[in-house]
Structure formats: C-alpha cells, structure tokens
C-alpha cells in the first residue's frame, strides 16, 4: 500500500506541484488558510477533495465524529493557532451521512476509548430522540441517524463557542462559524447552520 502512495506522490509532483510553482512556492515558507475545518476522520470525507480547496486554503483538524470536546488541549491549540495566529475568517464543522461515530452512540462495544470520546456527542442523540417517535422501519432509523448527524454538528458548534479565542473573535466580528453536512451517496455538501 505504501508504494501506491509513493507513486501517487510522484504523480502529484509531476501533474500538480511542478506545474504550479506560483502556488506551491510561497507555501514552503508560510500558510494563510481562510478557514479552520473541523471534520470527521472518515476516509471518505476528505475536506480538500469535497470542497475543491487547494493546498494551503484549509487548516484542518479531523477526529472521530467531527467532535469539539469542551475541554481538549489538542483542539484548543488548533483553535487558538487558527484564530489568533493564522487569522482565519471562518470556522467550519462538517458532519456527514453514514457516520460510524453516530451509529456507535446506540451500541455499547468492547472499546475502551471510543465510548469516552463519543460522550461528547451523546446530547445530540438525546435531543433527536426527544423530538421523534421511536423508529419502526429501516427507513425511519436511517432518517433518525441523519437527524442525529445534523444535530451533532449544531451541538459541536455550541461546544466551539465555549473556547475563549472563538468567543472573542466572534464578538469582534473576525470570524464566522458554519455547520456543513456532506452526503456520501450524492457527493453534495450543504450548509445546515
């Protein structure tokens, strides 16, 4: 597998990097992304690919379930750096269809770490389940999961707004926060918040 990636890098060098020195040259010494993208680690949801962004346009943080925990040093440093040093204009939280993290909210497993992490999203499930009847068909269950995926984006935006750099920048009008949702079946990216 690694050989395939190294071959892919050769194609990238020949077909993209060397053909666009005006773009890639300056990136060797500095970055000026316009947005912080917080998305899921899911291999099917590559932010640059689904948005058409070029290298250097997005400052990306990915994790299981596109979660913004209330107290996470790793994410806090990403947010602080993006907002205070890179001066991004936008922060995006992007959820997606058929999310394994959201499905896992309904299943106790033998994992040690995943359930602890998903506690940061369980409120999204509670909110949706309080608004809809218990699903009785596979289609209703699929709809419920989609609603939880969308609610989770909103919940994570709430969490994001608890971080002091975000609160300050939003109050000063320096950033805008967006919730997006990517549909794996259609390839469509929509603004939901």
C-alpha atoms as a PDB file:
ATOM      1  CA  UNK A   1       0.000   0.000   0.000  1.00  0.00           C
ATOM      2  CA  UNK A   2       2.753   2.470   0.878  1.00  0.00           C
ATOM      3  CA  UNK A   3       4.290   2.002  -2.573  1.00  0.00           C
ATOM      4  CA  UNK A   4       0.997   3.098  -4.108  1.00  0.00           C
ATOM      5  CA  UNK A   5       1.101   6.295  -2.046  1.00  0.00           C
ATOM      6  CA  UNK A   6       4.694   6.996  -3.046  1.00  0.00           C
ATOM      7  CA  UNK A   7       3.718   6.517  -6.695  1.00  0.00           C
ATOM      8  CA  UNK A   8       0.797   8.866  -6.122  1.00  0.00           C
ATOM      9  CA  UNK A   9       3.218  11.430  -4.763  1.00  0.00           C
ATOM     10  CA  UNK A  10       5.279  11.164  -7.956  1.00  0.00           C
ATOM     11  CA  UNK A  11       2.135  11.914  -9.970  1.00  0.00           C
ATOM     12  CA  UNK A  12       1.377  14.841  -7.657  1.00  0.00           C
ATOM     13  CA  UNK A  13       4.886  16.209  -8.213  1.00  0.00           C
ATOM     14  CA  UNK A  14       4.632  15.902 -11.987  1.00  0.00           C
ATOM     15  CA  UNK A  15       0.995  16.859 -12.548  1.00  0.00           C
ATOM     16  CA  UNK A  16       0.392  19.454  -9.851  1.00  0.00           C
ATOM     17  CA  UNK A  17       3.335  20.652  -7.758  1.00  0.00           C
ATOM     18  CA  UNK A  18       5.821  21.371 -10.561  1.00  0.00           C
ATOM     19  CA  UNK A  19       3.119  22.849 -12.808  1.00  0.00           C
ATOM     20  CA  UNK A  20       2.053  25.438 -10.235  1.00  0.00           C
ATOM     21  CA  UNK A  21       5.196  26.918  -8.648  1.00  0.00           C
ATOM     22  CA  UNK A  22       3.433  30.241  -8.087  1.00  0.00           C
ATOM     23  CA  UNK A  23       1.032  28.485  -5.718  1.00  0.00           C
ATOM     24  CA  UNK A  24       3.306  25.946  -4.033  1.00  0.00           C
ATOM     25  CA  UNK A  25       6.444  28.086  -3.785  1.00  0.00           C
ATOM     26  CA  UNK A  26       5.091  30.528  -1.184  1.00  0.00           C
ATOM     27  CA  UNK A  27       3.528  27.646   0.785  1.00  0.00           C
ATOM     28  CA  UNK A  28       7.010  26.333   1.560  1.00  0.00           C
ATOM     29  CA  UNK A  29       7.589  29.243   3.942  1.00  0.00           C
ATOM     30  CA  UNK A  30       4.130  30.315   5.167  1.00  0.00           C
ATOM     31  CA  UNK A  31       0.464  29.427   5.228  1.00  0.00           C
ATOM     32  CA  UNK A  32      -2.554  31.710   5.059  1.00  0.00           C
ATOM     33  CA  UNK A  33      -5.641  29.485   5.177  1.00  0.00           C
ATOM     34  CA  UNK A  34      -9.014  31.160   5.068  1.00  0.00           C
ATOM     35  CA  UNK A  35     -10.797  28.633   7.249  1.00  0.00           C
ATOM     36  CA  UNK A  36     -10.375  26.189  10.088  1.00  0.00           C
ATOM     37  CA  UNK A  37     -12.117  22.961   9.075  1.00  0.00           C
ATOM     38  CA  UNK A  38     -13.163  20.583  11.863  1.00  0.00           C
ATOM     39  CA  UNK A  39     -14.338  17.349  10.313  1.00  0.00           C
ATOM     40  CA  UNK A  40     -14.601  13.619  10.759  1.00  0.00           C
ATOM     41  CA  UNK A  41     -11.641  11.299  10.309  1.00  0.00           C
ATOM     42  CA  UNK A  42     -13.769   9.164   7.967  1.00  0.00           C
ATOM     43  CA  UNK A  43     -11.621   8.295   4.941  1.00  0.00           C
ATOM     44  CA  UNK A  44     -14.489   9.108   2.578  1.00  0.00           C
ATOM     45  CA  UNK A  45     -14.740  12.748   3.663  1.00  0.00           C
ATOM     46  CA  UNK A  46     -11.519  14.432   2.508  1.00  0.00           C
ATOM     47  CA  UNK A  47     -12.055  18.184   3.045  1.00  0.00           C
ATOM     48  CA  UNK A  48      -9.852  19.407   0.207  1.00  0.00           C
ATOM     49  CA  UNK A  49     -11.345  16.923  -2.230  1.00  0.00           C
ATOM     50  CA  UNK A  50     -15.024  17.571  -1.444  1.00  0.00           C
ATOM     51  CA  UNK A  51     -14.583  21.366  -1.466  1.00  0.00           C
ATOM     52  CA  UNK A  52     -12.121  21.719  -4.330  1.00  0.00           C
ATOM     53  CA  UNK A  53      -9.763  23.583  -1.990  1.00  0.00           C
ATOM     54  CA  UNK A  54      -6.118  23.858  -2.930  1.00  0.00           C
ATOM     55  CA  UNK A  55      -3.197  23.220  -0.611  1.00  0.00           C
ATOM     56  CA  UNK A  56      -2.939  25.999   1.949  1.00  0.00           C
ATOM     57  CA  UNK A  57      -6.608  27.046   1.863  1.00  0.00           C
ATOM     58  CA  UNK A  58      -7.862  24.973   4.818  1.00  0.00           C
ATOM     59  CA  UNK A  59      -6.359  24.467   8.273  1.00  0.00           C
ATOM     60  CA  UNK A  60      -7.739  21.023   9.109  1.00  0.00           C
ATOM     61  CA  UNK A  61      -8.489  19.168  12.330  1.00  0.00           C
ATOM     62  CA  UNK A  62     -10.148  15.763  11.983  1.00  0.00           C
ATOM     63  CA  UNK A  63     -11.365  13.292  14.581  1.00  0.00           C
ATOM     64  CA  UNK A  64     -13.960  10.578  15.046  1.00  0.00           C
ATOM     65  CA  UNK A  65     -17.403  12.200  14.730  1.00  0.00           C
ATOM     66  CA  UNK A  66     -16.244  15.784  13.975  1.00  0.00           C
ATOM     67  CA  UNK A  67     -16.364  16.447  17.697  1.00  0.00           C
ATOM     68  CA  UNK A  68     -15.392  19.608  19.569  1.00  0.00           C
ATOM     69  CA  UNK A  69     -14.934  18.434  23.159  1.00  0.00           C
ATOM     70  CA  UNK A  70     -15.489  21.023  25.859  1.00  0.00           C
ATOM     71  CA  UNK A  71     -12.020  20.539  27.334  1.00  0.00           C
ATOM     72  CA  UNK A  72      -9.430  19.215  24.893  1.00  0.00           C
ATOM     73  CA  UNK A  73      -5.891  20.615  24.823  1.00  0.00           C
ATOM     74  CA  UNK A  74      -5.207  19.297  21.343  1.00  0.00           C
ATOM     75  CA  UNK A  75      -8.190  21.002  19.776  1.00  0.00           C
ATOM     76  CA  UNK A  76      -7.744  24.097  21.948  1.00  0.00           C
ATOM     77  CA  UNK A  77      -4.269  24.631  20.482  1.00  0.00           C
ATOM     78  CA  UNK A  78      -5.589  24.142  16.933  1.00  0.00           C
ATOM     79  CA  UNK A  79      -8.352  26.693  17.546  1.00  0.00           C
ATOM     80  CA  UNK A  80      -6.042  29.181  19.230  1.00  0.00           C
ATOM     81  CA  UNK A  81      -3.453  28.933  16.473  1.00  0.00           C
ATOM     82  CA  UNK A  82      -6.037  29.196  13.685  1.00  0.00           C
ATOM     83  CA  UNK A  83      -7.892  32.146  15.195  1.00  0.00           C
ATOM     84  CA  UNK A  84      -5.091  34.145  16.835  1.00  0.00           C
ATOM     85  CA  UNK A  85      -2.103  33.433  14.585  1.00  0.00           C
ATOM     86  CA  UNK A  86      -3.398  32.347  11.181  1.00  0.00           C
ATOM     87  CA  UNK A  87      -6.308  34.810  11.436  1.00  0.00           C
ATOM     88  CA  UNK A  88      -8.798  32.521   9.691  1.00  0.00           C
ATOM     89  CA  UNK A  89     -12.049  34.192   8.651  1.00  0.00           C
ATOM     90  CA  UNK A  90     -14.247  31.118   9.029  1.00  0.00           C
ATOM     91  CA  UNK A  91     -14.564  28.006  11.156  1.00  0.00           C
ATOM     92  CA  UNK A  92     -16.399  25.047   9.667  1.00  0.00           C
ATOM     93  CA  UNK A  93     -17.712  21.997  11.446  1.00  0.00           C
ATOM     94  CA  UNK A  94     -18.609  19.364   8.886  1.00  0.00           C
ATOM     95  CA  UNK A  95     -20.657  16.257   9.607  1.00  0.00           C
ATOM     96  CA  UNK A  96     -21.567  13.560   7.105  1.00  0.00           C
ATOM     97  CA  UNK A  97     -24.003  10.791   6.290  1.00  0.00           C
ATOM     98  CA  UNK A  98     -23.486   7.186   7.348  1.00  0.00           C
ATOM     99  CA  UNK A  99     -21.218   8.310  10.207  1.00  0.00           C
ATOM    100  CA  UNK A 100     -19.856   5.375  12.176  1.00  0.00           C
ATOM    101  CA  UNK A 101     -19.440   7.528  15.281  1.00  0.00           C
ATOM    102  CA  UNK A 102     -23.121   8.433  15.308  1.00  0.00           C
ATOM    103  CA  UNK A 103     -24.111   4.801  14.756  1.00  0.00           C
ATOM    104  CA  UNK A 104     -21.889   3.865  17.706  1.00  0.00           C
ATOM    105  CA  UNK A 105     -23.925   6.074  20.043  1.00  0.00           C
ATOM    106  CA  UNK A 106     -26.543   3.289  20.075  1.00  0.00           C
ATOM    107  CA  UNK A 107     -24.171   0.395  20.706  1.00  0.00           C
ATOM    108  CA  UNK A 108     -22.122  -0.500  23.730  1.00  0.00           C
ATOM    109  CA  UNK A 109     -18.963  -2.126  22.485  1.00  0.00           C
ATOM    110  CA  UNK A 110     -15.838  -3.568  23.957  1.00  0.00           C
ATOM    111  CA  UNK A 111     -13.793  -0.494  23.117  1.00  0.00           C
ATOM    112  CA  UNK A 112     -12.049   1.472  25.843  1.00  0.00           C
ATOM    113  CA  UNK A 113     -11.638   4.900  24.292  1.00  0.00           C
ATOM    114  CA  UNK A 114     -14.348   5.332  21.675  1.00  0.00           C
ATOM    115  CA  UNK A 115     -17.270   5.430  24.149  1.00  0.00           C
ATOM    116  CA  UNK A 116     -15.467   8.035  26.250  1.00  0.00           C
ATOM    117  CA  UNK A 117     -14.898  10.180  23.172  1.00  0.00           C
ATOM    118  CA  UNK A 118     -18.493   9.780  21.990  1.00  0.00           C
ATOM    119  CA  UNK A 119     -19.800  11.129  25.305  1.00  0.00           C
ATOM    120  CA  UNK A 120     -19.115  14.469  23.622  1.00  0.00           C
ATOM    121  CA  UNK A 121     -21.892  13.718  21.098  1.00  0.00           C
ATOM    122  CA  UNK A 122     -24.458  11.823  23.160  1.00  0.00           C
ATOM    123  CA  UNK A 123     -26.506  15.000  23.798  1.00  0.00           C
ATOM    124  CA  UNK A 124     -27.234  15.183  20.045  1.00  0.00           C
ATOM    125  CA  UNK A 125     -28.797  11.729  20.238  1.00  0.00           C
ATOM    126  CA  UNK A 126     -30.838  12.697  23.315  1.00  0.00           C
ATOM    127  CA  UNK A 127     -32.156  15.830  21.610  1.00  0.00           C
ATOM    128  CA  UNK A 128     -33.293  13.995  18.475  1.00  0.00           C
ATOM    129  CA  UNK A 129     -34.787  11.068  20.384  1.00  0.00           C
ATOM    130  CA  UNK A 130     -36.820  13.513  22.497  1.00  0.00           C
ATOM    131  CA  UNK A 131     -38.356  15.041  19.336  1.00  0.00           C
ATOM    132  CA  UNK A 132     -39.240  11.984  17.246  1.00  0.00           C
ATOM    133  CA  UNK A 133     -41.041   8.695  17.858  1.00  0.00           C
ATOM    134  CA  UNK A 134     -39.023   5.508  18.172  1.00  0.00           C
ATOM    135  CA  UNK A 135     -38.180   4.329  14.629  1.00  0.00           C
ATOM    136  CA  UNK A 136     -40.141   1.292  13.479  1.00  0.00           C
ATOM    137  CA  UNK A 137     -38.725   0.778   9.991  1.00  0.00           C
ATOM    138  CA  UNK A 138     -35.220   0.765   8.493  1.00  0.00           C
ATOM    139  CA  UNK A 139     -36.095   3.984   6.652  1.00  0.00           C
ATOM    140  CA  UNK A 140     -37.180   5.680   9.882  1.00  0.00           C
ATOM    141  CA  UNK A 141     -33.957   4.527  11.563  1.00  0.00           C
ATOM    142  CA  UNK A 142     -31.903   5.888   8.664  1.00  0.00           C
ATOM    143  CA  UNK A 143     -33.721   9.225   8.989  1.00  0.00           C
ATOM    144  CA  UNK A 144     -33.104   9.237  12.752  1.00  0.00           C
ATOM    145  CA  UNK A 145     -29.363   8.730  12.248  1.00  0.00           C
ATOM    146  CA  UNK A 146     -29.262  11.578   9.710  1.00  0.00           C
ATOM    147  CA  UNK A 147     -31.072  13.839  12.174  1.00  0.00           C
ATOM    148  CA  UNK A 148     -28.540  12.937  14.887  1.00  0.00           C
ATOM    149  CA  UNK A 149     -25.632  13.587  12.485  1.00  0.00           C
ATOM    150  CA  UNK A 150     -27.062  17.037  11.760  1.00  0.00           C
ATOM    151  CA  UNK A 151     -27.877  17.755  15.415  1.00  0.00           C
ATOM    152  CA  UNK A 152     -24.327  16.747  16.307  1.00  0.00           C
ATOM    153  CA  UNK A 153     -22.949  19.495  14.041  1.00  0.00           C
ATOM    154  CA  UNK A 154     -25.105  22.014  15.921  1.00  0.00           C
ATOM    155  CA  UNK A 155     -24.001  20.624  19.282  1.00  0.00           C
ATOM    156  CA  UNK A 156     -20.343  20.845  18.310  1.00  0.00           C
ATOM    157  CA  UNK A 157     -20.860  24.476  17.235  1.00  0.00           C
ATOM    158  CA  UNK A 158     -22.207  25.117  20.756  1.00  0.00           C
ATOM    159  CA  UNK A 159     -19.076  23.487  22.185  1.00  0.00           C
ATOM    160  CA  UNK A 160     -16.850  25.519  19.837  1.00  0.00           C
ATOM    161  CA  UNK A 161     -18.335  28.753  21.137  1.00  0.00           C
ATOM    162  CA  UNK A 162     -17.141  27.915  24.676  1.00  0.00           C
ATOM    163  CA  UNK A 163     -13.489  28.338  23.644  1.00  0.00           C
ATOM    164  CA  UNK A 164     -12.246  31.846  24.603  1.00  0.00           C
ATOM    165  CA  UNK A 165     -10.439  32.583  21.295  1.00  0.00           C
ATOM    166  CA  UNK A 166     -13.633  31.760  19.382  1.00  0.00           C
ATOM    167  CA  UNK A 167     -15.853  33.808  21.708  1.00  0.00           C
ATOM    168  CA  UNK A 168     -13.567  36.825  21.408  1.00  0.00           C
ATOM    169  CA  UNK A 169     -13.140  36.602  17.634  1.00  0.00           C
ATOM    170  CA  UNK A 170     -16.845  36.090  17.021  1.00  0.00           C
ATOM    171  CA  UNK A 171     -17.744  39.006  19.322  1.00  0.00           C
ATOM    172  CA  UNK A 172     -15.292  41.234  17.428  1.00  0.00           C
ATOM    173  CA  UNK A 173     -16.690  40.064  14.074  1.00  0.00           C
ATOM    174  CA  UNK A 174     -13.375  38.499  12.991  1.00  0.00           C
ATOM    175  CA  UNK A 175     -14.782  35.029  12.296  1.00  0.00           C
ATOM    176  CA  UNK A 176     -17.935  33.338  11.129  1.00  0.00           C
ATOM    177  CA  UNK A 177     -18.933  29.829  12.147  1.00  0.00           C
ATOM    178  CA  UNK A 178     -20.587  27.426   9.706  1.00  0.00           C
ATOM    179  CA  UNK A 179     -22.109  23.968  10.004  1.00  0.00           C
ATOM    180  CA  UNK A 180     -21.876  21.826   6.877  1.00  0.00           C
ATOM    181  CA  UNK A 181     -23.133  18.337   6.035  1.00  0.00           C
ATOM    182  CA  UNK A 182     -21.692  16.037   3.371  1.00  0.00           C
ATOM    183  CA  UNK A 183     -23.901  13.360   1.816  1.00  0.00           C
ATOM    184  CA  UNK A 184     -21.792  10.362   0.841  1.00  0.00           C
ATOM    185  CA  UNK A 185     -24.449   8.989  -1.510  1.00  0.00           C
ATOM    186  CA  UNK A 186     -24.839  12.166  -3.570  1.00  0.00           C
ATOM    187  CA  UNK A 187     -21.479  13.896  -3.034  1.00  0.00           C
ATOM    188  CA  UNK A 188     -23.341  17.080  -2.081  1.00  0.00           C
ATOM    189  CA  UNK A 189     -22.052  19.446   0.611  1.00  0.00           C
ATOM    190  CA  UNK A 190     -24.767  21.632   2.214  1.00  0.00           C
ATOM    191  CA  UNK A 191     -24.765  24.448   4.731  1.00  0.00           C
ATOM    192  CA  UNK A 192     -27.010  23.406   7.647  1.00  0.00           C
ATOM    193  CA  UNK A 193     -26.098  26.028  10.287  1.00  0.00           C
END
